């Protein structure tokens, strides 16, 4: 397990995240497209205790995911960079934005989720699942 430091765009919020693998999970869901303004987001699912806010704080925005359960988006209150999401259906796991971590630009894709919502022009870069991988 390796600990990485992350920071938001404005530098007001910083955190550490412990990851098992230095890899991205690409999420193609429509919510990630709307929140990020791109074709997908770069993430990893980790235990909630493996993320610590070390500077500043986050605000929370809640919406309802495909499961019908709440998803809490935690973001910098100044620049709105999304630090992590907690999908209540996932218990004590959170979805951390891996590209915001030091060294994150060098991570390789490990899987693609919500491939059913992928843009038609996007090439497959890792094993792709229509929604989430089987448990």
N, C-alpha and C. Protein backbone atom coordinates (compact mmCIF):
# COMPACT_ATOMS: atom_id res chain seq x y z
N UNK A 1 0.85 -1.17 0.00
CA UNK A 1 0.00 0.00 0.00
C UNK A 1 0.90 1.24 0.00
N UNK A 2 0.58 2.19 -0.87
CA UNK A 2 1.36 3.42 -1.00
C UNK A 2 0.47 4.62 -0.69
N UNK A 3 1.03 5.59 0.03
CA UNK A 3 0.28 6.81 0.35
C UNK A 3 0.65 7.91 -0.63
N UNK A 4 -0.36 8.56 -1.18
CA UNK A 4 -0.19 9.65 -2.13
C UNK A 4 -0.81 10.92 -1.56
N UNK A 5 -0.27 12.06 -1.94
CA UNK A 5 -0.82 13.36 -1.56
C UNK A 5 -1.60 13.92 -2.74
N UNK A 6 -2.74 14.53 -2.45
CA UNK A 6 -3.54 15.18 -3.48
C UNK A 6 -3.86 16.60 -3.08
N UNK A 7 -4.19 17.39 -4.07
CA UNK A 7 -4.58 18.78 -3.79
C UNK A 7 -5.57 19.23 -4.86
N UNK A 8 -6.39 20.19 -4.45
CA UNK A 8 -7.38 20.74 -5.37
C UNK A 8 -6.72 21.78 -6.28
N UNK A 9 -7.47 22.33 -7.20
CA UNK A 9 -6.96 23.29 -8.17
C UNK A 9 -6.42 24.55 -7.50
N UNK A 10 -7.11 25.05 -6.48
CA UNK A 10 -6.69 26.31 -5.85
C UNK A 10 -5.69 26.11 -4.71
N UNK A 11 -5.50 24.87 -4.25
CA UNK A 11 -4.56 24.59 -3.17
C UNK A 11 -5.13 24.74 -1.77
N UNK A 12 -6.41 25.08 -1.65
CA UNK A 12 -7.02 25.28 -0.34
C UNK A 12 -7.26 23.95 0.39
N UNK A 13 -7.50 22.88 -0.38
CA UNK A 13 -7.78 21.56 0.22
C UNK A 13 -6.71 20.57 -0.23
N UNK A 14 -6.15 19.84 0.75
CA UNK A 14 -5.17 18.80 0.47
C UNK A 14 -5.55 17.54 1.24
N UNK A 15 -5.07 16.39 0.77
CA UNK A 15 -5.41 15.12 1.39
C UNK A 15 -4.34 14.09 1.09
N UNK A 16 -4.41 12.98 1.80
CA UNK A 16 -3.60 11.81 1.49
C UNK A 16 -4.55 10.66 1.24
N UNK A 17 -4.14 9.77 0.34
CA UNK A 17 -4.92 8.58 0.03
C UNK A 17 -3.97 7.40 -0.07
N UNK A 18 -4.34 6.29 0.56
CA UNK A 18 -3.56 5.06 0.47
C UNK A 18 -4.17 4.19 -0.61
N UNK A 19 -3.33 3.78 -1.57
CA UNK A 19 -3.80 2.95 -2.69
C UNK A 19 -3.05 1.62 -2.72
N UNK A 20 -3.76 0.56 -3.06
CA UNK A 20 -3.13 -0.75 -3.27
C UNK A 20 -2.39 -0.77 -4.60
N UNK A 21 -3.00 -0.19 -5.63
CA UNK A 21 -2.45 -0.20 -6.98
C UNK A 21 -2.35 1.22 -7.52
N UNK A 22 -1.34 1.46 -8.32
CA UNK A 22 -1.23 2.75 -9.00
C UNK A 22 -1.91 2.61 -10.35
N UNK A 23 -3.23 2.65 -10.33
CA UNK A 23 -4.03 2.46 -11.53
C UNK A 23 -5.29 3.30 -11.45
N UNK A 24 -5.83 3.61 -12.63
CA UNK A 24 -7.09 4.34 -12.73
C UNK A 24 -8.21 3.37 -13.09
N UNK A 25 -9.39 3.62 -12.54
CA UNK A 25 -10.63 3.02 -13.02
C UNK A 25 -11.35 4.16 -13.74
N UNK A 26 -11.57 4.02 -15.03
CA UNK A 26 -12.25 5.04 -15.81
C UNK A 26 -13.75 4.86 -15.67
N UNK A 27 -14.46 5.90 -15.24
CA UNK A 27 -15.92 5.83 -15.11
C UNK A 27 -16.54 6.67 -16.22
N UNK A 28 -17.39 6.02 -17.01
CA UNK A 28 -18.05 6.67 -18.14
C UNK A 28 -19.50 7.03 -17.85
N UNK A 29 -19.92 6.99 -16.58
CA UNK A 29 -21.33 7.27 -16.28
C UNK A 29 -21.67 8.73 -16.62
N UNK A 30 -22.93 8.97 -16.86
CA UNK A 30 -23.37 10.32 -17.25
C UNK A 30 -23.13 11.34 -16.14
N UNK A 31 -23.22 10.93 -14.88
CA UNK A 31 -22.97 11.86 -13.79
C UNK A 31 -21.52 12.33 -13.81
N UNK A 32 -20.57 11.43 -13.99
CA UNK A 32 -19.16 11.83 -14.05
C UNK A 32 -18.92 12.79 -15.23
N UNK A 33 -19.60 12.55 -16.34
CA UNK A 33 -19.48 13.46 -17.49
C UNK A 33 -20.00 14.85 -17.12
N UNK A 34 -21.15 14.91 -16.47
CA UNK A 34 -21.72 16.21 -16.10
C UNK A 34 -20.87 16.93 -15.07
N UNK A 35 -20.42 16.22 -14.04
CA UNK A 35 -19.65 16.85 -12.97
C UNK A 35 -18.26 17.30 -13.43
N UNK A 36 -17.66 16.51 -14.32
CA UNK A 36 -16.29 16.80 -14.73
C UNK A 36 -16.15 17.48 -16.08
N UNK A 37 -17.21 17.48 -16.87
CA UNK A 37 -17.15 18.11 -18.18
C UNK A 37 -16.30 17.36 -19.19
N UNK A 38 -16.07 16.07 -18.97
CA UNK A 38 -15.27 15.26 -19.87
C UNK A 38 -15.97 13.94 -20.17
N UNK A 39 -15.28 13.09 -20.92
CA UNK A 39 -15.85 11.82 -21.34
C UNK A 39 -15.87 10.78 -20.22
N UNK A 40 -15.02 10.95 -19.20
CA UNK A 40 -14.95 10.00 -18.09
C UNK A 40 -14.18 10.64 -16.93
N UNK A 41 -14.23 9.99 -15.78
CA UNK A 41 -13.42 10.41 -14.63
C UNK A 41 -12.43 9.30 -14.31
N UNK A 42 -11.35 9.64 -13.59
CA UNK A 42 -10.29 8.70 -13.22
C UNK A 42 -10.34 8.49 -11.72
N UNK A 43 -10.53 7.24 -11.29
CA UNK A 43 -10.84 6.95 -9.89
C UNK A 43 -10.19 5.67 -9.41
N UNK A 44 -10.35 5.47 -8.11
CA UNK A 44 -10.07 4.18 -7.49
C UNK A 44 -10.97 4.07 -6.26
N UNK A 45 -11.42 2.88 -5.97
CA UNK A 45 -12.26 2.64 -4.81
C UNK A 45 -11.37 2.18 -3.66
N UNK A 46 -11.45 2.91 -2.53
CA UNK A 46 -10.60 2.61 -1.38
C UNK A 46 -11.45 2.65 -0.10
N UNK A 47 -10.96 2.05 0.99
CA UNK A 47 -11.67 2.20 2.27
C UNK A 47 -11.67 3.66 2.70
N UNK A 48 -12.78 4.11 3.25
CA UNK A 48 -12.92 5.51 3.67
C UNK A 48 -11.81 5.93 4.62
N UNK A 49 -11.35 5.02 5.48
CA UNK A 49 -10.28 5.34 6.43
C UNK A 49 -8.92 5.56 5.77
N UNK A 50 -8.79 5.21 4.49
CA UNK A 50 -7.52 5.39 3.78
C UNK A 50 -7.40 6.77 3.13
N UNK A 51 -8.37 7.64 3.35
CA UNK A 51 -8.29 9.02 2.87
C UNK A 51 -8.37 9.96 4.07
N UNK A 52 -7.44 10.90 4.13
CA UNK A 52 -7.41 11.89 5.22
C UNK A 52 -7.29 13.28 4.62
N UNK A 53 -8.17 14.19 5.00
CA UNK A 53 -8.06 15.60 4.61
C UNK A 53 -6.99 16.21 5.53
N UNK A 54 -5.92 16.75 4.93
CA UNK A 54 -4.80 17.27 5.73
C UNK A 54 -4.73 18.79 5.75
N UNK A 55 -5.47 19.44 4.87
CA UNK A 55 -5.51 20.90 4.83
C UNK A 55 -6.87 21.33 4.31
N UNK A 56 -7.45 22.32 4.96
CA UNK A 56 -8.75 22.82 4.53
C UNK A 56 -9.86 21.84 4.87
N UNK A 57 -10.90 21.87 4.07
CA UNK A 57 -12.06 21.02 4.31
C UNK A 57 -12.77 20.78 2.98
N UNK A 58 -13.83 19.99 3.03
CA UNK A 58 -14.64 19.78 1.84
C UNK A 58 -16.09 20.14 2.15
N UNK A 59 -16.83 20.48 1.12
CA UNK A 59 -18.28 20.63 1.19
C UNK A 59 -18.87 19.39 0.54
N UNK A 60 -20.13 19.13 0.82
CA UNK A 60 -20.79 17.94 0.28
C UNK A 60 -22.02 18.32 -0.53
N UNK A 61 -22.12 17.70 -1.68
CA UNK A 61 -23.29 17.79 -2.54
C UNK A 61 -23.82 16.36 -2.67
N UNK A 62 -25.12 16.16 -2.49
CA UNK A 62 -25.70 14.82 -2.55
C UNK A 62 -26.64 14.69 -3.74
N UNK A 63 -26.49 13.59 -4.45
CA UNK A 63 -27.43 13.24 -5.52
C UNK A 63 -27.76 11.75 -5.36
N UNK A 64 -28.63 11.21 -6.18
CA UNK A 64 -29.01 9.80 -6.09
C UNK A 64 -28.46 9.07 -7.30
N UNK A 65 -27.72 7.98 -7.04
CA UNK A 65 -27.06 7.19 -8.07
C UNK A 65 -28.01 6.22 -8.74
N UNK A 66 -27.44 5.42 -9.62
CA UNK A 66 -28.22 4.43 -10.36
C UNK A 66 -28.92 3.44 -9.43
N UNK A 67 -28.33 3.21 -8.26
CA UNK A 67 -28.92 2.30 -7.26
C UNK A 67 -30.16 2.90 -6.60
N UNK A 68 -30.35 4.22 -6.74
CA UNK A 68 -31.43 4.91 -6.06
C UNK A 68 -31.02 5.39 -4.67
N UNK A 69 -29.79 5.09 -4.28
CA UNK A 69 -29.28 5.48 -2.96
C UNK A 69 -28.44 6.75 -3.09
N UNK A 70 -28.27 7.49 -1.97
CA UNK A 70 -27.51 8.74 -2.01
C UNK A 70 -26.03 8.54 -2.35
N UNK A 71 -25.51 9.50 -3.08
CA UNK A 71 -24.08 9.60 -3.36
C UNK A 71 -23.65 10.99 -2.88
N UNK A 72 -22.67 11.02 -1.98
CA UNK A 72 -22.18 12.28 -1.42
C UNK A 72 -20.88 12.67 -2.11
N UNK A 73 -20.91 13.78 -2.84
CA UNK A 73 -19.73 14.30 -3.54
C UNK A 73 -19.05 15.29 -2.61
N UNK A 74 -17.78 15.05 -2.30
CA UNK A 74 -17.01 15.93 -1.42
C UNK A 74 -16.02 16.72 -2.26
N UNK A 75 -16.12 18.04 -2.17
CA UNK A 75 -15.34 18.91 -3.06
C UNK A 75 -14.80 20.11 -2.29
N UNK A 76 -13.77 20.76 -2.87
CA UNK A 76 -13.21 21.97 -2.28
C UNK A 76 -14.28 23.06 -2.31
N UNK A 77 -14.53 23.73 -1.18
CA UNK A 77 -15.57 24.76 -1.16
C UNK A 77 -15.20 26.01 -1.95
N UNK A 78 -13.94 26.17 -2.31
CA UNK A 78 -13.52 27.35 -3.06
C UNK A 78 -13.52 27.11 -4.57
N UNK A 79 -12.78 26.11 -5.04
CA UNK A 79 -12.63 25.90 -6.49
C UNK A 79 -13.52 24.77 -7.03
N UNK A 80 -14.18 24.03 -6.18
CA UNK A 80 -15.11 22.93 -6.48
C UNK A 80 -14.45 21.68 -7.06
N UNK A 81 -13.14 21.53 -6.92
CA UNK A 81 -12.49 20.28 -7.33
C UNK A 81 -13.09 19.13 -6.53
N UNK A 82 -13.52 18.07 -7.21
CA UNK A 82 -14.10 16.91 -6.54
C UNK A 82 -12.98 16.02 -6.02
N UNK A 83 -12.91 15.86 -4.70
CA UNK A 83 -11.88 15.06 -4.04
C UNK A 83 -12.28 13.59 -4.02
N UNK A 84 -13.48 13.32 -3.53
CA UNK A 84 -13.96 11.94 -3.47
C UNK A 84 -15.48 11.91 -3.40
N UNK A 85 -16.03 10.74 -3.70
CA UNK A 85 -17.47 10.50 -3.62
C UNK A 85 -17.70 9.32 -2.69
N UNK A 86 -18.77 9.38 -1.92
CA UNK A 86 -19.17 8.24 -1.10
C UNK A 86 -20.54 7.79 -1.56
N UNK A 87 -20.57 6.64 -2.21
CA UNK A 87 -21.83 6.04 -2.61
C UNK A 87 -22.31 5.20 -1.43
N UNK A 88 -23.40 5.60 -0.80
CA UNK A 88 -23.84 4.93 0.43
C UNK A 88 -24.07 3.44 0.21
N UNK A 89 -24.39 3.04 -1.01
CA UNK A 89 -24.59 1.63 -1.31
C UNK A 89 -23.29 0.84 -1.15
N UNK A 90 -22.13 1.53 -1.12
CA UNK A 90 -20.83 0.86 -1.03
C UNK A 90 -20.30 0.76 0.40
N UNK A 91 -21.11 1.09 1.40
CA UNK A 91 -20.68 0.95 2.79
C UNK A 91 -19.53 1.88 3.12
N UNK A 92 -18.41 1.31 3.60
CA UNK A 92 -17.28 2.14 4.06
C UNK A 92 -16.26 2.41 2.96
N UNK A 93 -16.62 2.18 1.72
CA UNK A 93 -15.71 2.45 0.58
C UNK A 93 -16.04 3.80 -0.03
N UNK A 94 -15.01 4.46 -0.56
CA UNK A 94 -15.20 5.74 -1.25
C UNK A 94 -14.54 5.67 -2.62
N UNK A 95 -14.89 6.61 -3.47
CA UNK A 95 -14.32 6.72 -4.81
C UNK A 95 -13.45 7.97 -4.82
N UNK A 96 -12.13 7.78 -4.87
CA UNK A 96 -11.20 8.91 -4.84
C UNK A 96 -10.74 9.22 -6.27
N UNK A 97 -10.60 10.50 -6.57
CA UNK A 97 -10.14 10.94 -7.89
C UNK A 97 -8.62 10.77 -7.99
N UNK A 98 -8.19 9.78 -8.75
CA UNK A 98 -6.77 9.42 -8.79
C UNK A 98 -5.90 10.39 -9.57
N UNK A 99 -6.43 11.07 -10.56
CA UNK A 99 -5.60 11.99 -11.34
C UNK A 99 -5.20 13.22 -10.53
N UNK A 100 -5.86 13.46 -9.41
CA UNK A 100 -5.53 14.59 -8.54
C UNK A 100 -4.39 14.27 -7.57
N UNK A 101 -3.93 13.03 -7.55
CA UNK A 101 -2.87 12.61 -6.65
C UNK A 101 -1.51 12.84 -7.29
N UNK A 102 -0.50 13.16 -6.47
CA UNK A 102 0.86 13.29 -6.99
C UNK A 102 1.25 11.99 -7.68
N UNK A 103 1.70 12.09 -8.91
CA UNK A 103 2.05 10.91 -9.69
C UNK A 103 0.89 10.31 -10.45
N UNK A 104 -0.33 10.80 -10.21
CA UNK A 104 -1.52 10.23 -10.84
C UNK A 104 -1.51 10.28 -12.36
N UNK A 105 -0.83 11.25 -12.92
CA UNK A 105 -0.77 11.33 -14.39
C UNK A 105 -0.04 10.14 -14.99
N UNK A 106 0.77 9.46 -14.18
CA UNK A 106 1.52 8.30 -14.66
C UNK A 106 0.82 6.97 -14.45
N UNK A 107 -0.33 6.97 -13.78
CA UNK A 107 -1.06 5.72 -13.55
C UNK A 107 -1.62 5.20 -14.88
N UNK A 108 -1.70 3.91 -15.01
CA UNK A 108 -2.28 3.27 -16.20
C UNK A 108 -3.74 2.89 -15.90
N UNK A 109 -4.58 2.79 -16.94
CA UNK A 109 -5.96 2.34 -16.71
C UNK A 109 -6.01 0.85 -16.40
N UNK A 110 -6.81 0.48 -15.40
CA UNK A 110 -6.97 -0.93 -15.03
C UNK A 110 -8.31 -1.49 -15.49
N UNK A 111 -9.33 -0.64 -15.55
CA UNK A 111 -10.66 -1.08 -15.95
C UNK A 111 -11.48 0.15 -16.35
N UNK A 112 -12.58 -0.12 -17.05
CA UNK A 112 -13.53 0.93 -17.41
C UNK A 112 -14.90 0.48 -16.92
N UNK A 113 -15.59 1.37 -16.21
CA UNK A 113 -16.93 1.05 -15.71
C UNK A 113 -17.97 1.96 -16.36
N UNK A 114 -19.20 1.51 -16.33
CA UNK A 114 -20.32 2.17 -17.01
C UNK A 114 -20.01 2.37 -18.50
N UNK A 115 -19.43 1.31 -19.07
CA UNK A 115 -19.12 1.31 -20.50
C UNK A 115 -20.36 1.50 -21.37
N UNK A 116 -21.53 1.19 -20.83
CA UNK A 116 -22.77 1.37 -21.60
C UNK A 116 -23.02 2.84 -21.93
N UNK A 117 -22.38 3.75 -21.19
CA UNK A 117 -22.55 5.19 -21.42
C UNK A 117 -21.33 5.82 -22.10
N UNK A 118 -20.41 4.99 -22.55
CA UNK A 118 -19.18 5.46 -23.19
C UNK A 118 -19.50 6.18 -24.51
N UNK A 119 -18.74 7.22 -24.81
CA UNK A 119 -18.90 7.92 -26.09
C UNK A 119 -18.50 6.96 -27.22
N UNK A 120 -19.21 7.01 -28.32
CA UNK A 120 -18.98 6.05 -29.40
C UNK A 120 -17.58 6.14 -30.01
N UNK A 121 -16.92 7.28 -29.89
CA UNK A 121 -15.60 7.47 -30.49
C UNK A 121 -14.44 7.07 -29.57
N UNK A 122 -14.75 6.69 -28.32
CA UNK A 122 -13.69 6.35 -27.37
C UNK A 122 -13.19 4.92 -27.61
N UNK A 123 -11.87 4.74 -27.71
CA UNK A 123 -11.34 3.38 -27.82
C UNK A 123 -11.36 2.69 -26.46
N UNK A 124 -11.41 1.37 -26.47
CA UNK A 124 -11.32 0.62 -25.22
C UNK A 124 -9.86 0.58 -24.80
N UNK A 125 -9.57 1.00 -23.56
CA UNK A 125 -8.18 1.02 -23.09
C UNK A 125 -7.94 0.02 -21.95
N UNK A 126 -9.00 -0.59 -21.45
CA UNK A 126 -8.89 -1.61 -20.39
C UNK A 126 -10.17 -2.44 -20.43
N UNK A 127 -10.19 -3.52 -19.65
CA UNK A 127 -11.40 -4.33 -19.59
C UNK A 127 -12.58 -3.43 -19.22
N UNK A 128 -13.67 -3.55 -20.00
CA UNK A 128 -14.80 -2.65 -19.84
C UNK A 128 -16.03 -3.43 -19.37
N UNK A 129 -16.71 -2.84 -18.37
CA UNK A 129 -17.93 -3.42 -17.81
C UNK A 129 -19.09 -2.49 -18.14
N UNK A 130 -20.26 -3.05 -18.47
CA UNK A 130 -21.43 -2.21 -18.77
C UNK A 130 -21.79 -1.29 -17.61
N UNK A 131 -21.74 -1.82 -16.40
CA UNK A 131 -21.98 -1.01 -15.21
C UNK A 131 -20.76 -1.18 -14.29
N UNK A 132 -20.91 -1.97 -13.22
CA UNK A 132 -19.80 -2.24 -12.31
C UNK A 132 -19.32 -3.68 -12.51
N UNK A 133 -18.06 -3.96 -12.16
CA UNK A 133 -17.60 -5.35 -12.28
C UNK A 133 -18.33 -6.23 -11.27
N UNK A 134 -18.40 -7.53 -11.55
CA UNK A 134 -19.06 -8.43 -10.59
C UNK A 134 -18.32 -8.40 -9.25
N UNK A 135 -19.05 -8.56 -8.17
CA UNK A 135 -18.44 -8.54 -6.82
C UNK A 135 -17.62 -9.79 -6.57
